[in-house]
Protein backbone atom coordinates (compact mmCIF):
# COMPACT_ATOMS: atom_id res chain seq x y z
CA UNK A 1 0.00 0.00 0.00
CA UNK A 2 2.93 2.36 0.59
CA UNK A 3 4.13 1.92 -2.96
CA UNK A 4 1.10 3.46 -4.74
CA UNK A 5 1.20 6.40 -2.33
CA UNK A 6 4.89 6.84 -3.10
CA UNK A 7 4.22 7.08 -6.88
CA UNK A 8 1.31 9.43 -6.28
CA UNK A 9 3.58 11.77 -4.36
CA UNK A 10 6.23 11.66 -7.08
CA UNK A 11 3.66 12.27 -9.82
CA UNK A 12 2.13 15.15 -7.84
CA UNK A 13 5.55 16.67 -7.31
CA UNK A 14 6.37 16.46 -11.04
CA UNK A 15 3.07 18.06 -12.01
CA UNK A 16 3.65 20.81 -9.45
CA UNK A 17 7.21 21.53 -10.65
CA UNK A 18 7.00 20.93 -14.40
CA UNK A 19 3.33 21.57 -15.07
CA UNK A 20 3.44 25.40 -14.96
CA UNK A 21 6.40 25.59 -17.33
CA UNK A 22 4.53 23.59 -19.95
CA UNK A 23 1.55 25.90 -19.95
CA UNK A 24 3.07 29.24 -19.01
CA UNK A 25 1.06 32.01 -20.59
CA UNK A 26 4.04 34.40 -20.73
CA UNK A 27 6.14 31.87 -22.63
CA UNK A 28 3.19 31.17 -24.90
CA UNK A 29 2.69 34.86 -25.61
CA UNK A 30 6.41 35.30 -26.35
CA UNK A 31 6.18 32.61 -28.99
CA UNK A 32 3.14 34.28 -30.52
CA UNK A 33 4.71 37.76 -30.51
CA UNK A 34 8.42 37.33 -31.18
CA UNK A 35 10.59 40.41 -30.81
CA UNK A 36 11.97 41.65 -34.08
CA UNK A 37 15.45 43.06 -34.49
CA UNK A 38 15.52 46.82 -35.02
CA UNK A 39 15.73 48.01 -38.63
CA UNK A 40 18.89 49.94 -37.78
CA UNK A 41 20.65 47.95 -35.06
CA UNK A 42 23.71 50.19 -34.85
CA UNK A 43 23.97 53.69 -33.50
CA UNK A 44 23.00 56.23 -36.14
CA UNK A 45 25.74 58.70 -36.94
CA UNK A 46 25.13 62.27 -38.11
CA UNK A 47 26.27 61.35 -41.61
CA UNK A 48 24.05 58.26 -41.82
CA UNK A 49 21.02 60.19 -40.55
CA UNK A 50 21.58 62.99 -43.08
CA UNK A 51 21.78 60.43 -45.87
CA UNK A 52 18.58 58.72 -44.71
CA UNK A 53 16.86 62.10 -44.62
CA UNK A 54 18.04 62.88 -48.17
CA UNK A 55 16.84 59.44 -49.26
CA UNK A 56 13.33 60.21 -47.99
CA UNK A 57 13.38 63.49 -49.90
CA UNK A 58 14.58 61.71 -53.06
CA UNK A 59 11.72 59.21 -52.75
CA UNK A 60 9.22 62.08 -52.71
CA UNK A 61 10.78 63.72 -55.76
CA UNK A 62 10.98 60.37 -57.56
CA UNK A 63 7.25 59.77 -57.03
CA UNK A 64 6.40 63.15 -58.57
CA UNK A 65 8.80 62.86 -61.51
CA UNK A 66 7.76 59.25 -62.20
CA UNK A 67 4.15 60.41 -62.44
CA UNK A 68 5.23 62.78 -65.21
CA UNK A 69 4.81 65.88 -63.07
CA UNK A 70 7.24 68.73 -62.54
CA UNK A 71 9.21 68.90 -59.28
CA UNK A 72 9.26 72.70 -59.11
CA UNK A 73 7.99 72.79 -55.51
CA UNK A 74 10.72 70.49 -54.17
CA UNK A 75 13.94 71.46 -52.45
CA UNK A 76 16.48 68.99 -51.09
CA UNK A 77 18.18 69.69 -47.78
CA UNK A 78 21.72 70.91 -48.35
CA UNK A 79 24.19 69.12 -46.07
CA UNK A 80 27.93 69.52 -45.81
CA UNK A 81 28.70 65.83 -45.48
CA UNK A 82 32.36 66.57 -44.83
CA UNK A 83 31.44 68.16 -41.49
CA UNK A 84 29.15 65.37 -40.27
CA UNK A 85 30.35 62.56 -38.00
CA UNK A 86 30.47 59.23 -39.92
CA UNK A 87 29.53 55.86 -38.44
CA UNK A 88 33.22 55.00 -38.38
CA UNK A 89 36.47 56.25 -39.91
CA UNK A 90 36.43 53.67 -42.74
CA UNK A 91 33.79 55.84 -44.41
CA UNK A 92 36.30 58.66 -44.88
CA UNK A 93 38.04 57.32 -47.98
CA UNK A 94 40.50 59.20 -50.15
CA UNK A 95 38.45 61.63 -52.21
CA UNK A 96 35.55 61.84 -49.75
CA UNK A 97 35.95 65.61 -49.47
CA UNK A 98 35.82 66.07 -53.26
CA UNK A 99 32.85 63.71 -53.59
CA UNK A 100 31.07 65.62 -50.82
CA UNK A 101 31.65 68.93 -52.59
CA UNK A 102 30.43 67.48 -55.90
CA UNK A 103 27.31 66.08 -54.22
CA UNK A 104 26.57 69.45 -52.62
CA UNK A 105 26.88 71.04 -56.05
CA UNK A 106 24.37 68.56 -57.51
CA UNK A 107 21.90 69.28 -54.70
CA UNK A 108 22.33 73.06 -55.19
CA UNK A 109 21.73 72.68 -58.93
CA UNK A 110 18.58 70.65 -58.28
CA UNK A 111 17.32 73.26 -55.81
CA UNK A 112 17.92 76.05 -58.34
CA UNK A 113 16.39 74.14 -61.24
CA UNK A 114 14.41 71.05 -60.19
CA UNK A 115 14.20 68.70 -63.17
CA UNK A 116 14.72 65.08 -64.16
CA UNK A 117 18.26 65.89 -65.22
CA UNK A 118 19.27 67.61 -61.98
CA UNK A 119 17.50 64.93 -59.94
CA UNK A 120 19.45 62.19 -61.74
CA UNK A 121 22.69 64.13 -61.13
CA UNK A 122 21.95 64.01 -57.38
CA UNK A 123 21.33 60.24 -57.56
CA UNK A 124 24.52 59.89 -59.61
CA UNK A 125 26.39 61.75 -56.86
CA UNK A 126 25.14 59.18 -54.33
CA UNK A 127 26.34 56.35 -56.55
CA UNK A 128 29.77 57.93 -57.11
CA UNK A 129 30.49 58.21 -53.42
CA UNK A 130 29.01 54.87 -52.37
CA UNK A 131 31.05 53.04 -55.01
CA UNK A 132 34.18 54.21 -53.17
CA UNK A 133 32.97 54.04 -49.57
CA UNK A 134 30.18 52.06 -47.95
CA UNK A 135 28.74 50.18 -50.95
CA UNK A 136 25.87 48.73 -48.89
CA UNK A 137 23.28 51.34 -49.94
CA UNK A 138 23.97 51.01 -53.70
CA UNK A 139 20.98 48.69 -54.20
CA UNK A 140 18.74 51.15 -52.38
CA UNK A 141 20.17 54.06 -54.38
CA UNK A 142 19.48 52.19 -57.64
CA UNK A 143 15.79 52.29 -56.71
CA UNK A 144 15.93 56.10 -56.81
CA UNK A 145 16.66 56.14 -60.52
CA UNK A 146 13.84 57.28 -62.76
CA UNK A 147 12.12 54.47 -64.65
CA UNK A 148 13.14 56.12 -67.91
CA UNK A 149 16.58 56.93 -66.46
CA UNK A 150 18.45 59.51 -68.44
CA UNK A 151 21.78 58.22 -69.68
């Protein structure tokens, strides 16, 4: 008679200890709502943020120009990239200063005379720099080209 009582106590103990972990609502809810990694896991530098801001502006201009409309009401923010803190020093390649000046010139030209041609010059300035330093965004930049890209 002691033996069945012994197994009952062991079974009760196992249910008490392991039972809650099998049906824990917090664990269940974690599996249903997994945490996603942040879109930008690294600290955002001044230079990276300025480029993301310009990218948003380019998307707006692209939408208007792609629809066949004029972009006369658009102005791009003029940044001096050479004075902004990069994510790390590997971004500051030989020629970065010159590329930064050229890009600023393209943005100024677009702001003076917004058109498909001056827009594509700005996008070309992005490509020129990112081919030398930080090639990661090149695929994203390619999406800023006009569908009937001017060659």
